[in-house]
Amino acid sequence: MLQVYLVRHGETEWNAARRIQGQSDSPLTEKGIFQAQQVAERVRNEGITHVIASDLGRTKHTAEIIADACGCQVVTEPRLRELHMGVLEARNIDSLTAEEEVWRKQMVDGTPRGRIPEGETMSELAARMREALNNCLSLPAGSKPLLVSHGIALGCLISTILGLPAYAERRLRLRNCSISRVDYQQSDWLASGWIVETAGDISHLDLPALDELQR
């Protein structure tokens, strides 16, 4: 059985300011750095062998803190990037027009072919996220990888493992530096392949963590 840990990056300046990030970038806040340190302490003795991160700055910084505790090097994987939010990237959520808010909501409300202009669909996101996850199957026997990615991206991945379409209504909350775990296994009582062990665990964090919209 292959166990893969999934970590969302720490809080960023744009998270705190309610700005849309997508594949644009924003540095971790002091709180975000502390959250990453708490993840590092949580997984330090889990036998992590590989730390693989989206190539955006916020995920790389989070991953570097975790990798240092686990004695690993960070490998970047562009397929773990966040959903491309097109023309809405870097915008404050509270500044969106009514039409722009419709575009944004299509990414979370179950619209099958929702796409922000110049951005990605959820199906395109799901395809590359699953490719990145499946790439872990080629790691040496006994590996225990940890992937650092983003809220919408990880939520989409976990939802599709559960059998939901990529564009399904978003009902999984993954806060900053939450930890999830998926396993690849053969089982008499579960479907063969990827299964979800845990999702969105924040029991290791001392302070409340944000999701995309909550304060």
N, C-alpha and C. Protein backbone atom coordinates (compact mmCIF):
# COMPACT_ATOMS: atom_id res chain seq x y z
N MET A 1 0.85 -1.20 0.00
CA MET A 1 0.00 0.00 0.00
C MET A 1 0.88 1.25 0.00
N LEU A 2 0.56 2.18 -0.87
CA LEU A 2 1.27 3.46 -0.93
C LEU A 2 0.44 4.52 -0.22
N GLN A 3 1.06 5.20 0.75
CA GLN A 3 0.41 6.30 1.47
C GLN A 3 0.98 7.62 0.95
N VAL A 4 0.08 8.54 0.60
CA VAL A 4 0.49 9.85 0.09
C VAL A 4 -0.18 10.93 0.94
N TYR A 5 0.64 11.77 1.55
CA TYR A 5 0.13 12.89 2.33
C TYR A 5 -0.08 14.09 1.40
N LEU A 6 -1.17 14.81 1.63
CA LEU A 6 -1.51 15.98 0.83
C LEU A 6 -1.64 17.18 1.77
N VAL A 7 -0.84 18.21 1.53
CA VAL A 7 -0.82 19.38 2.41
C VAL A 7 -1.14 20.64 1.60
N ARG A 8 -2.05 21.44 2.10
CA ARG A 8 -2.26 22.75 1.50
C ARG A 8 -1.22 23.71 2.07
N HIS A 9 -0.77 24.66 1.26
CA HIS A 9 0.24 25.63 1.69
C HIS A 9 -0.24 26.46 2.88
N GLY A 10 0.70 27.12 3.55
CA GLY A 10 0.38 27.99 4.68
C GLY A 10 -0.31 29.28 4.23
N GLU A 11 -0.85 29.98 5.21
CA GLU A 11 -1.56 31.23 4.93
C GLU A 11 -0.65 32.23 4.21
N THR A 12 -1.19 32.92 3.22
CA THR A 12 -0.46 33.94 2.48
C THR A 12 -1.05 35.32 2.75
N GLU A 13 -0.32 36.33 2.31
CA GLU A 13 -0.82 37.69 2.45
C GLU A 13 -2.13 37.88 1.70
N TRP A 14 -2.24 37.26 0.53
CA TRP A 14 -3.47 37.40 -0.24
C TRP A 14 -4.61 36.60 0.37
N ASN A 15 -4.33 35.45 1.01
CA ASN A 15 -5.39 34.76 1.75
C ASN A 15 -6.01 35.68 2.78
N ALA A 16 -5.13 36.32 3.55
CA ALA A 16 -5.61 37.19 4.63
C ALA A 16 -6.35 38.41 4.09
N ALA A 17 -5.97 38.87 2.90
CA ALA A 17 -6.59 40.06 2.31
C ALA A 17 -7.78 39.72 1.41
N ARG A 18 -8.13 38.44 1.29
CA ARG A 18 -9.25 37.99 0.46
C ARG A 18 -9.03 38.31 -1.02
N ARG A 19 -7.79 38.14 -1.47
CA ARG A 19 -7.49 38.31 -2.89
C ARG A 19 -7.38 36.94 -3.56
N ILE A 20 -7.84 36.86 -4.79
CA ILE A 20 -7.83 35.61 -5.55
C ILE A 20 -6.40 35.35 -6.05
N GLN A 21 -5.88 34.17 -5.75
CA GLN A 21 -4.50 33.87 -6.11
C GLN A 21 -4.39 33.07 -7.40
N GLY A 22 -5.08 31.93 -7.49
CA GLY A 22 -4.91 31.09 -8.66
C GLY A 22 -3.45 30.75 -8.85
N GLN A 23 -2.92 30.99 -10.05
CA GLN A 23 -1.52 30.71 -10.33
C GLN A 23 -0.64 31.94 -10.20
N SER A 24 -1.22 33.06 -9.74
CA SER A 24 -0.40 34.18 -9.30
C SER A 24 0.15 33.82 -7.92
N ASP A 25 0.97 34.68 -7.34
CA ASP A 25 1.60 34.26 -6.10
C ASP A 25 1.61 35.37 -5.06
N SER A 26 1.74 34.95 -3.83
CA SER A 26 1.78 35.84 -2.68
C SER A 26 2.59 35.16 -1.59
N PRO A 27 3.43 35.89 -0.87
CA PRO A 27 4.27 35.24 0.15
C PRO A 27 3.47 34.78 1.37
N LEU A 28 4.04 33.81 2.06
CA LEU A 28 3.44 33.37 3.32
C LEU A 28 3.49 34.49 4.34
N THR A 29 2.46 34.57 5.17
CA THR A 29 2.49 35.45 6.33
C THR A 29 3.31 34.79 7.43
N GLU A 30 3.57 35.51 8.50
CA GLU A 30 4.24 34.90 9.65
C GLU A 30 3.43 33.73 10.17
N LYS A 31 2.11 33.90 10.18
CA LYS A 31 1.24 32.80 10.60
C LYS A 31 1.38 31.61 9.67
N GLY A 32 1.47 31.87 8.36
CA GLY A 32 1.62 30.80 7.39
C GLY A 32 2.91 30.03 7.59
N ILE A 33 3.99 30.73 7.92
CA ILE A 33 5.26 30.07 8.20
C ILE A 33 5.14 29.20 9.45
N PHE A 34 4.48 29.72 10.47
CA PHE A 34 4.28 28.95 11.70
C PHE A 34 3.43 27.72 11.43
N GLN A 35 2.40 27.86 10.61
CA GLN A 35 1.57 26.70 10.25
C GLN A 35 2.41 25.63 9.56
N ALA A 36 3.29 26.04 8.65
CA ALA A 36 4.15 25.08 7.97
C ALA A 36 5.07 24.38 8.96
N GLN A 37 5.56 25.11 9.94
CA GLN A 37 6.41 24.51 10.96
C GLN A 37 5.63 23.47 11.78
N GLN A 38 4.36 23.75 12.01
CA GLN A 38 3.54 22.80 12.77
C GLN A 38 3.27 21.53 11.95
N VAL A 39 3.06 21.68 10.64
CA VAL A 39 2.96 20.50 9.78
C VAL A 39 4.25 19.69 9.86
N ALA A 40 5.37 20.39 9.79
CA ALA A 40 6.67 19.72 9.83
C ALA A 40 6.82 18.89 11.10
N GLU A 41 6.42 19.45 12.23
CA GLU A 41 6.51 18.70 13.49
C GLU A 41 5.56 17.51 13.48
N ARG A 42 4.39 17.68 12.87
CA ARG A 42 3.40 16.60 12.82
C ARG A 42 3.92 15.41 12.02
N VAL A 43 4.62 15.66 10.91
CA VAL A 43 5.01 14.56 10.02
C VAL A 43 6.47 14.17 10.16
N ARG A 44 7.20 14.84 11.05
CA ARG A 44 8.64 14.61 11.19
C ARG A 44 8.97 13.13 11.34
N ASN A 45 8.17 12.39 12.09
CA ASN A 45 8.46 10.99 12.38
C ASN A 45 7.56 10.02 11.61
N GLU A 46 6.98 10.49 10.51
CA GLU A 46 6.09 9.64 9.72
C GLU A 46 6.83 8.87 8.63
N GLY A 47 8.13 9.10 8.51
CA GLY A 47 8.90 8.38 7.50
C GLY A 47 8.72 8.92 6.09
N ILE A 48 8.46 10.22 5.97
CA ILE A 48 8.30 10.84 4.66
C ILE A 48 9.62 10.71 3.87
N THR A 49 9.50 10.24 2.64
CA THR A 49 10.70 10.02 1.82
C THR A 49 10.85 11.03 0.68
N HIS A 50 9.75 11.64 0.28
CA HIS A 50 9.77 12.59 -0.82
C HIS A 50 8.82 13.75 -0.49
N VAL A 51 9.27 14.97 -0.73
CA VAL A 51 8.40 16.14 -0.61
C VAL A 51 8.31 16.76 -2.00
N ILE A 52 7.10 16.76 -2.55
CA ILE A 52 6.86 17.21 -3.92
C ILE A 52 5.87 18.36 -3.85
N ALA A 53 6.21 19.48 -4.49
CA ALA A 53 5.41 20.70 -4.33
C ALA A 53 5.08 21.33 -5.67
N SER A 54 3.95 21.98 -5.73
CA SER A 54 3.66 22.91 -6.80
C SER A 54 4.82 23.89 -6.92
N ASP A 55 5.07 24.38 -8.12
CA ASP A 55 6.23 25.25 -8.32
C ASP A 55 5.95 26.72 -8.01
N LEU A 56 4.81 27.02 -7.41
CA LEU A 56 4.52 28.39 -6.99
C LEU A 56 5.21 28.69 -5.65
N GLY A 57 5.50 29.95 -5.41
CA GLY A 57 6.31 30.32 -4.25
C GLY A 57 5.72 29.91 -2.93
N ARG A 58 4.43 30.05 -2.77
CA ARG A 58 3.81 29.76 -1.47
C ARG A 58 3.87 28.28 -1.13
N THR A 59 3.77 27.42 -2.14
CA THR A 59 3.88 25.99 -1.88
C THR A 59 5.33 25.57 -1.69
N LYS A 60 6.23 26.15 -2.47
CA LYS A 60 7.64 25.81 -2.31
C LYS A 60 8.14 26.19 -0.92
N HIS A 61 7.75 27.37 -0.42
CA HIS A 61 8.19 27.80 0.91
C HIS A 61 7.65 26.85 1.97
N THR A 62 6.37 26.52 1.87
CA THR A 62 5.77 25.56 2.81
C THR A 62 6.51 24.23 2.75
N ALA A 63 6.78 23.76 1.53
CA ALA A 63 7.43 22.46 1.35
C ALA A 63 8.85 22.46 1.90
N GLU A 64 9.57 23.54 1.72
CA GLU A 64 10.95 23.61 2.21
C GLU A 64 11.01 23.45 3.73
N ILE A 65 10.06 24.05 4.42
CA ILE A 65 10.02 23.93 5.89
C ILE A 65 9.75 22.48 6.29
N ILE A 66 8.83 21.84 5.59
CA ILE A 66 8.49 20.44 5.89
C ILE A 66 9.65 19.52 5.52
N ALA A 67 10.22 19.74 4.36
CA ALA A 67 11.32 18.87 3.89
C ALA A 67 12.52 18.94 4.82
N ASP A 68 12.80 20.12 5.35
CA ASP A 68 13.93 20.26 6.26
C ASP A 68 13.75 19.38 7.49
N ALA A 69 12.52 19.32 8.00
CA ALA A 69 12.26 18.49 9.18
C ALA A 69 12.33 17.00 8.85
N CYS A 70 12.01 16.65 7.59
CA CYS A 70 11.96 15.24 7.21
C CYS A 70 13.25 14.75 6.57
N GLY A 71 14.23 15.65 6.40
CA GLY A 71 15.49 15.26 5.80
C GLY A 71 15.38 14.97 4.32
N CYS A 72 14.47 15.69 3.63
CA CYS A 72 14.25 15.48 2.20
C CYS A 72 14.63 16.72 1.41
N GLN A 73 14.74 16.57 0.11
CA GLN A 73 14.85 17.68 -0.81
C GLN A 73 13.47 17.93 -1.43
N VAL A 74 13.18 19.18 -1.78
CA VAL A 74 11.91 19.50 -2.43
C VAL A 74 12.05 19.31 -3.93
N VAL A 75 11.12 18.58 -4.50
CA VAL A 75 11.01 18.44 -5.95
C VAL A 75 9.76 19.19 -6.38
N THR A 76 9.87 20.05 -7.39
CA THR A 76 8.71 20.82 -7.84
C THR A 76 7.99 20.09 -8.97
N GLU A 77 6.66 20.26 -8.96
CA GLU A 77 5.80 19.59 -9.93
C GLU A 77 4.73 20.59 -10.39
N PRO A 78 4.87 21.16 -11.59
CA PRO A 78 3.92 22.18 -12.05
C PRO A 78 2.48 21.69 -12.12
N ARG A 79 2.26 20.38 -12.27
CA ARG A 79 0.89 19.87 -12.34
C ARG A 79 0.15 20.01 -11.02
N LEU A 80 0.86 20.31 -9.94
CA LEU A 80 0.22 20.52 -8.64
C LEU A 80 -0.20 21.97 -8.41
N ARG A 81 -0.07 22.81 -9.43
CA ARG A 81 -0.47 24.22 -9.28
C ARG A 81 -1.97 24.36 -9.00
N GLU A 82 -2.32 25.51 -8.47
CA GLU A 82 -3.72 25.84 -8.22
C GLU A 82 -4.47 26.02 -9.54
N LEU A 83 -5.80 25.94 -9.48
CA LEU A 83 -6.65 26.26 -10.62
C LEU A 83 -6.28 27.63 -11.18
N HIS A 84 -6.13 27.73 -12.49
CA HIS A 84 -5.88 29.03 -13.11
C HIS A 84 -7.19 29.82 -13.11
N MET A 85 -7.18 30.95 -12.43
CA MET A 85 -8.39 31.75 -12.25
C MET A 85 -8.51 32.88 -13.28
N GLY A 86 -7.71 32.80 -14.34
CA GLY A 86 -7.87 33.71 -15.46
C GLY A 86 -7.84 35.18 -15.11
N VAL A 87 -8.81 35.92 -15.64
CA VAL A 87 -8.82 37.38 -15.49
C VAL A 87 -9.13 37.81 -14.05
N LEU A 88 -9.52 36.90 -13.19
CA LEU A 88 -9.83 37.26 -11.80
C LEU A 88 -8.62 37.16 -10.88
N GLU A 89 -7.50 36.66 -11.37
CA GLU A 89 -6.34 36.53 -10.50
C GLU A 89 -5.88 37.90 -10.01
N ALA A 90 -5.52 37.94 -8.74
CA ALA A 90 -5.05 39.13 -8.02
C ALA A 90 -6.17 40.08 -7.64
N ARG A 91 -7.42 39.76 -7.98
CA ARG A 91 -8.53 40.62 -7.63
C ARG A 91 -8.99 40.35 -6.20
N ASN A 92 -9.43 41.39 -5.50
CA ASN A 92 -10.05 41.21 -4.20
C ASN A 92 -11.47 40.68 -4.41
N ILE A 93 -11.83 39.67 -3.64
CA ILE A 93 -13.15 39.05 -3.81
C ILE A 93 -14.27 40.07 -3.67
N ASP A 94 -14.10 41.00 -2.76
CA ASP A 94 -15.16 41.98 -2.51
C ASP A 94 -15.29 43.01 -3.62
N SER A 95 -14.35 43.03 -4.58
CA SER A 95 -14.38 44.02 -5.65
C SER A 95 -15.00 43.49 -6.93
N LEU A 96 -15.41 42.22 -6.97
CA LEU A 96 -15.92 41.64 -8.20
C LEU A 96 -17.27 42.21 -8.59
N THR A 97 -17.47 42.39 -9.87
CA THR A 97 -18.78 42.80 -10.37
C THR A 97 -19.73 41.60 -10.30
N ALA A 98 -21.01 41.84 -10.53
CA ALA A 98 -21.99 40.75 -10.50
C ALA A 98 -21.64 39.68 -11.53
N GLU A 99 -21.23 40.09 -12.72
CA GLU A 99 -20.86 39.13 -13.75
C GLU A 99 -19.62 38.35 -13.37
N GLU A 100 -18.64 39.02 -12.80
CA GLU A 100 -17.41 38.35 -12.38
C GLU A 100 -17.68 37.36 -11.25
N GLU A 101 -18.59 37.70 -10.36
CA GLU A 101 -18.94 36.79 -9.27
C GLU A 101 -19.61 35.53 -9.82
N VAL A 102 -20.40 35.68 -10.87
CA VAL A 102 -20.98 34.50 -11.53
C VAL A 102 -19.87 33.61 -12.08
N TRP A 103 -18.86 34.21 -12.72
CA TRP A 103 -17.73 33.42 -13.23
C TRP A 103 -17.07 32.66 -12.09
N ARG A 104 -16.81 33.36 -10.97
CA ARG A 104 -16.12 32.73 -9.84
C ARG A 104 -16.96 31.60 -9.26
N LYS A 105 -18.25 31.84 -9.08
CA LYS A 105 -19.11 30.85 -8.45
C LYS A 105 -19.25 29.59 -9.31
N GLN A 106 -19.10 29.72 -10.63
CA GLN A 106 -19.18 28.54 -11.49
C GLN A 106 -18.10 27.52 -11.16
N MET A 107 -17.04 27.94 -10.52
CA MET A 107 -15.96 27.02 -10.20
C MET A 107 -16.26 26.20 -8.95
N VAL A 108 -17.31 26.54 -8.22
CA VAL A 108 -17.60 25.83 -6.97
C VAL A 108 -19.04 25.36 -6.86
N ASP A 109 -19.90 25.71 -7.83
CA ASP A 109 -21.33 25.43 -7.65
C ASP A 109 -21.87 24.29 -8.50
N GLY A 110 -20.98 23.53 -9.15
CA GLY A 110 -21.43 22.38 -9.93
C GLY A 110 -21.70 22.66 -11.39
N THR A 111 -21.30 23.81 -11.90
CA THR A 111 -21.46 24.11 -13.32
C THR A 111 -20.52 23.23 -14.14
N PRO A 112 -21.04 22.38 -15.04
CA PRO A 112 -20.19 21.38 -15.70
C PRO A 112 -19.01 21.95 -16.48
N ARG A 113 -19.21 23.01 -17.23
CA ARG A 113 -18.12 23.53 -18.06
C ARG A 113 -17.74 24.95 -17.64
N GLY A 114 -17.85 25.23 -16.36
CA GLY A 114 -17.51 26.56 -15.87
C GLY A 114 -16.06 26.92 -16.13
N ARG A 115 -15.83 28.13 -16.55
CA ARG A 115 -14.47 28.58 -16.81
C ARG A 115 -14.44 30.09 -16.69
N ILE A 116 -13.56 30.61 -15.85
CA ILE A 116 -13.31 32.05 -15.81
C ILE A 116 -12.56 32.41 -17.10
N PRO A 117 -12.91 33.52 -17.77
CA PRO A 117 -12.18 33.87 -18.98
C PRO A 117 -10.67 33.82 -18.78
N GLU A 118 -9.99 33.14 -19.70
CA GLU A 118 -8.54 32.94 -19.71
C GLU A 118 -8.07 31.97 -18.64
N GLY A 119 -9.01 31.28 -17.98
CA GLY A 119 -8.65 30.33 -16.93
C GLY A 119 -8.90 28.89 -17.33
N GLU A 120 -8.86 27.98 -16.33
CA GLU A 120 -9.03 26.55 -16.53
C GLU A 120 -10.43 26.10 -16.13
N THR A 121 -10.86 24.97 -16.67
CA THR A 121 -12.04 24.29 -16.14
C THR A 121 -11.59 23.36 -15.01
N MET A 122 -12.55 22.94 -14.20
CA MET A 122 -12.24 22.01 -13.13
C MET A 122 -11.81 20.65 -13.69
N SER A 123 -12.34 20.27 -14.85
CA SER A 123 -11.95 19.00 -15.46
C SER A 123 -10.49 19.03 -15.89
N GLU A 124 -10.04 20.16 -16.41
CA GLU A 124 -8.63 20.30 -16.78
C GLU A 124 -7.74 20.23 -15.54
N LEU A 125 -8.20 20.88 -14.47
CA LEU A 125 -7.46 20.82 -13.20
C LEU A 125 -7.37 19.39 -12.69
N ALA A 126 -8.51 18.69 -12.69
CA ALA A 126 -8.55 17.32 -12.17
C ALA A 126 -7.61 16.41 -12.95
N ALA A 127 -7.54 16.57 -14.26
CA ALA A 127 -6.71 15.70 -15.08
C ALA A 127 -5.23 15.83 -14.71
N ARG A 128 -4.76 17.07 -14.56
CA ARG A 128 -3.32 17.22 -14.25
C ARG A 128 -3.02 16.84 -12.80
N MET A 129 -3.97 17.09 -11.88
CA MET A 129 -3.74 16.69 -10.49
C MET A 129 -3.67 15.17 -10.38
N ARG A 130 -4.54 14.47 -11.10
CA ARG A 130 -4.51 13.00 -11.04
C ARG A 130 -3.22 12.47 -11.67
N GLU A 131 -2.74 13.11 -12.74
CA GLU A 131 -1.46 12.70 -13.33
C GLU A 131 -0.33 12.84 -12.31
N ALA A 132 -0.33 13.96 -11.57
CA ALA A 132 0.72 14.18 -10.57
C ALA A 132 0.65 13.15 -9.47
N LEU A 133 -0.57 12.82 -9.03
CA LEU A 133 -0.72 11.81 -7.99
C LEU A 133 -0.29 10.44 -8.51
N ASN A 134 -0.75 10.07 -9.70
CA ASN A 134 -0.39 8.76 -10.25
C ASN A 134 1.11 8.62 -10.47
N ASN A 135 1.80 9.73 -10.66
CA ASN A 135 3.25 9.68 -10.83
C ASN A 135 3.94 9.12 -9.58
N CYS A 136 3.27 9.25 -8.42
CA CYS A 136 3.84 8.71 -7.18
C CYS A 136 3.93 7.18 -7.23
N LEU A 137 3.12 6.55 -8.09
CA LEU A 137 3.15 5.10 -8.19
C LEU A 137 4.46 4.59 -8.77
N SER A 138 5.23 5.46 -9.41
CA SER A 138 6.51 5.05 -9.99
C SER A 138 7.67 5.24 -9.03
N LEU A 139 7.41 5.74 -7.83
CA LEU A 139 8.47 5.91 -6.84
C LEU A 139 8.94 4.54 -6.34
N PRO A 140 10.14 4.46 -5.79
CA PRO A 140 10.64 3.17 -5.31
C PRO A 140 9.74 2.56 -4.23
N ALA A 141 9.73 1.26 -4.16
CA ALA A 141 8.95 0.56 -3.14
C ALA A 141 9.32 1.07 -1.75
N GLY A 142 8.34 1.23 -0.91
CA GLY A 142 8.57 1.72 0.44
C GLY A 142 8.54 3.23 0.57
N SER A 143 8.30 3.93 -0.53
CA SER A 143 8.26 5.39 -0.48
C SER A 143 7.00 5.87 0.25
N LYS A 144 7.12 7.04 0.86
CA LYS A 144 5.98 7.69 1.51
C LYS A 144 6.06 9.18 1.15
N PRO A 145 5.46 9.57 0.02
CA PRO A 145 5.58 10.96 -0.43
C PRO A 145 4.59 11.90 0.25
N LEU A 146 4.97 13.17 0.27
CA LEU A 146 4.10 14.24 0.75
C LEU A 146 4.02 15.29 -0.35
N LEU A 147 2.81 15.62 -0.78
CA LEU A 147 2.60 16.60 -1.84
C LEU A 147 2.07 17.89 -1.23
N VAL A 148 2.64 19.01 -1.63
CA VAL A 148 2.17 20.32 -1.16
C VAL A 148 1.53 21.03 -2.34
N SER A 149 0.25 21.35 -2.18
CA SER A 149 -0.50 21.95 -3.28
C SER A 149 -1.43 23.02 -2.73
N HIS A 150 -2.61 23.15 -3.31
CA HIS A 150 -3.49 24.30 -3.08
C HIS A 150 -4.91 23.84 -2.76
N GLY A 151 -5.71 24.76 -2.21
CA GLY A 151 -7.02 24.40 -1.71
C GLY A 151 -7.98 23.85 -2.75
N ILE A 152 -8.20 24.60 -3.84
CA ILE A 152 -9.13 24.12 -4.86
C ILE A 152 -8.57 22.89 -5.54
N ALA A 153 -7.28 22.89 -5.82
CA ALA A 153 -6.64 21.77 -6.51
C ALA A 153 -6.76 20.48 -5.70
N LEU A 154 -6.44 20.53 -4.43
CA LEU A 154 -6.51 19.34 -3.60
C LEU A 154 -7.96 18.91 -3.36
N GLY A 155 -8.85 19.88 -3.19
CA GLY A 155 -10.26 19.53 -3.02
C GLY A 155 -10.81 18.82 -4.23
N CYS A 156 -10.44 19.29 -5.41
CA CYS A 156 -10.87 18.65 -6.65
C CYS A 156 -10.32 17.24 -6.75
N LEU A 157 -9.05 17.07 -6.43
CA LEU A 157 -8.43 15.75 -6.49
C LEU A 157 -9.12 14.76 -5.56
N ILE A 158 -9.31 15.16 -4.31
CA ILE A 158 -9.93 14.26 -3.34
C ILE A 158 -11.37 13.93 -3.74
N SER A 159 -12.09 14.93 -4.23
CA SER A 159 -13.48 14.70 -4.64
C SER A 159 -13.57 13.69 -5.78
N THR A 160 -12.64 13.79 -6.73
CA THR A 160 -12.68 12.83 -7.84
C THR A 160 -12.28 11.43 -7.39
N ILE A 161 -11.40 11.32 -6.42
CA ILE A 161 -11.08 9.99 -5.87
C ILE A 161 -12.33 9.38 -5.25
N LEU A 162 -13.17 10.21 -4.65
CA LEU A 162 -14.42 9.74 -4.05
C LEU A 162 -15.50 9.43 -5.08
N GLY A 163 -15.19 9.68 -6.36
CA GLY A 163 -16.12 9.33 -7.42
C GLY A 163 -16.99 10.46 -7.92
N LEU A 164 -16.76 11.67 -7.42
CA LEU A 164 -17.54 12.82 -7.87
C LEU A 164 -16.94 13.38 -9.15
N PRO A 165 -17.75 14.02 -9.99
CA PRO A 165 -17.17 14.69 -11.16
C PRO A 165 -16.31 15.86 -10.72
N ALA A 166 -15.34 16.22 -11.55
CA ALA A 166 -14.41 17.31 -11.20
C ALA A 166 -15.15 18.60 -10.90
N TYR A 167 -16.27 18.84 -11.58
CA TYR A 167 -17.01 20.08 -11.44
C TYR A 167 -18.08 20.02 -10.34
N ALA A 168 -18.11 18.95 -9.57
CA ALA A 168 -19.14 18.82 -8.53
C ALA A 168 -19.12 20.00 -7.57
N GLU A 169 -20.27 20.29 -6.97
CA GLU A 169 -20.32 21.35 -5.96
C GLU A 169 -19.21 21.13 -4.93
N ARG A 170 -18.56 22.20 -4.58
CA ARG A 170 -17.42 22.10 -3.67
C ARG A 170 -17.92 22.02 -2.23
N ARG A 171 -17.71 20.88 -1.59
CA ARG A 171 -18.20 20.67 -0.23
C ARG A 171 -17.12 20.16 0.72
N LEU A 172 -15.87 20.26 0.31
CA LEU A 172 -14.76 19.81 1.14
C LEU A 172 -13.91 21.02 1.51
N ARG A 173 -13.83 21.32 2.80
CA ARG A 173 -13.06 22.47 3.26
C ARG A 173 -11.64 22.03 3.61
N LEU A 174 -10.67 22.61 2.93
CA LEU A 174 -9.26 22.32 3.20
C LEU A 174 -8.60 23.64 3.59
N ARG A 175 -8.40 23.84 4.87
CA ARG A 175 -7.84 25.10 5.36
C ARG A 175 -6.32 25.13 5.15
N ASN A 176 -5.75 26.31 5.32
CA ASN A 176 -4.30 26.45 5.18
C ASN A 176 -3.57 25.46 6.07
N CYS A 177 -2.63 24.73 5.48
CA CYS A 177 -1.80 23.73 6.17
C CYS A 177 -2.60 22.58 6.77
N SER A 178 -3.78 22.33 6.21
CA SER A 178 -4.48 21.09 6.56
C SER A 178 -3.74 19.91 5.94
N ILE A 179 -3.90 18.75 6.54
CA ILE A 179 -3.27 17.52 6.06
C ILE A 179 -4.35 16.53 5.67
N SER A 180 -4.24 15.97 4.49
CA SER A 180 -5.08 14.87 4.05
C SER A 180 -4.18 13.70 3.71
N ARG A 181 -4.77 12.52 3.58
CA ARG A 181 -3.97 11.36 3.15
C ARG A 181 -4.80 10.47 2.24
N VAL A 182 -4.20 10.07 1.14
CA VAL A 182 -4.83 9.10 0.25
C VAL A 182 -3.89 7.91 0.10
N ASP A 183 -4.48 6.72 -0.04
CA ASP A 183 -3.71 5.49 -0.14
C ASP A 183 -4.06 4.78 -1.44
N TYR A 184 -3.07 4.11 -2.01
CA TYR A 184 -3.30 3.25 -3.17
C TYR A 184 -3.19 1.82 -2.68
N GLN A 185 -4.28 1.05 -2.84
CA GLN A 185 -4.29 -0.27 -2.24
C GLN A 185 -5.27 -1.19 -2.96
N GLN A 186 -5.15 -2.47 -2.67
CA GLN A 186 -6.13 -3.47 -3.07
C GLN A 186 -6.83 -3.93 -1.80
N SER A 187 -8.16 -3.94 -1.80
CA SER A 187 -8.90 -4.24 -0.58
C SER A 187 -10.14 -5.06 -0.90
N ASP A 188 -10.50 -5.95 0.03
CA ASP A 188 -11.74 -6.72 -0.13
C ASP A 188 -12.97 -5.89 0.18
N TRP A 189 -12.79 -4.76 0.89
CA TRP A 189 -13.93 -4.00 1.37
C TRP A 189 -14.00 -2.58 0.82
N LEU A 190 -13.00 -2.18 0.04
CA LEU A 190 -12.99 -0.88 -0.60
C LEU A 190 -12.66 -1.06 -2.08
N ALA A 191 -13.03 -0.09 -2.88
CA ALA A 191 -12.67 -0.15 -4.29
C ALA A 191 -11.14 -0.17 -4.43
N SER A 192 -10.66 -0.93 -5.38
CA SER A 192 -9.22 -0.98 -5.60
C SER A 192 -8.72 0.34 -6.17
N GLY A 193 -7.48 0.68 -5.85
CA GLY A 193 -6.89 1.93 -6.33
C GLY A 193 -6.82 2.97 -5.22
N TRP A 194 -7.00 4.22 -5.60
CA TRP A 194 -6.88 5.31 -4.62
C TRP A 194 -8.11 5.38 -3.72
N ILE A 195 -7.86 5.49 -2.42
CA ILE A 195 -8.93 5.70 -1.45
C ILE A 195 -8.53 6.85 -0.52
N VAL A 196 -9.52 7.47 0.11
CA VAL A 196 -9.27 8.61 1.00
C VAL A 196 -9.23 8.11 2.44
N GLU A 197 -8.10 8.32 3.10
CA GLU A 197 -7.95 7.95 4.51
C GLU A 197 -8.40 9.09 5.41
N THR A 198 -7.91 10.30 5.17
CA THR A 198 -8.31 11.48 5.95
C THR A 198 -8.35 12.68 5.01
N ALA A 199 -9.11 13.70 5.40
CA ALA A 199 -9.20 14.92 4.58
C ALA A 199 -9.35 16.14 5.48
N GLY A 200 -8.49 17.12 5.26
CA GLY A 200 -8.64 18.41 5.92
C GLY A 200 -8.31 18.45 7.40
N ASP A 201 -7.45 17.56 7.87
CA ASP A 201 -7.11 17.52 9.30
C ASP A 201 -6.30 18.77 9.70
N ILE A 202 -6.76 19.49 10.71
CA ILE A 202 -6.02 20.65 11.23
C ILE A 202 -5.76 20.51 12.73
N SER A 203 -5.81 19.28 13.25
CA SER A 203 -5.62 19.08 14.69
C SER A 203 -4.22 19.47 15.16
N HIS A 204 -3.27 19.60 14.23
CA HIS A 204 -1.90 19.96 14.57
C HIS A 204 -1.69 21.47 14.67
N LEU A 205 -2.68 22.26 14.27
CA LEU A 205 -2.55 23.71 14.26
C LEU A 205 -3.05 24.32 15.56
N ASP A 206 -2.29 25.27 16.11
CA ASP A 206 -2.67 25.91 17.36
C ASP A 206 -3.73 26.98 17.16
N LEU A 207 -3.72 27.66 16.01
CA LEU A 207 -4.60 28.78 15.75
C LEU A 207 -5.56 28.44 14.61
N PRO A 208 -6.75 29.06 14.58
CA PRO A 208 -7.67 28.81 13.47
C PRO A 208 -7.00 29.13 12.14
N ALA A 209 -7.31 28.30 11.13
CA ALA A 209 -6.75 28.49 9.79
C ALA A 209 -7.87 28.91 8.84
N LEU A 210 -7.50 29.64 7.80
CA LEU A 210 -8.47 30.14 6.84
C LEU A 210 -8.72 29.12 5.73
N ASP A 211 -9.95 29.15 5.19
CA ASP A 211 -10.14 28.62 3.85
C ASP A 211 -10.17 29.81 2.91
N GLU A 212 -10.66 29.66 1.69
CA GLU A 212 -10.54 30.75 0.74
C GLU A 212 -11.37 31.99 1.13
N LEU A 213 -12.53 31.77 1.75
CA LEU A 213 -13.44 32.89 1.97
C LEU A 213 -13.65 33.25 3.42
N GLN A 214 -13.41 32.32 4.33
CA GLN A 214 -13.71 32.60 5.73
C GLN A 214 -12.60 33.42 6.38
N ARG A 215 -12.98 34.23 7.34
CA ARG A 215 -12.04 35.04 8.08
C ARG A 215 -11.71 34.34 9.40
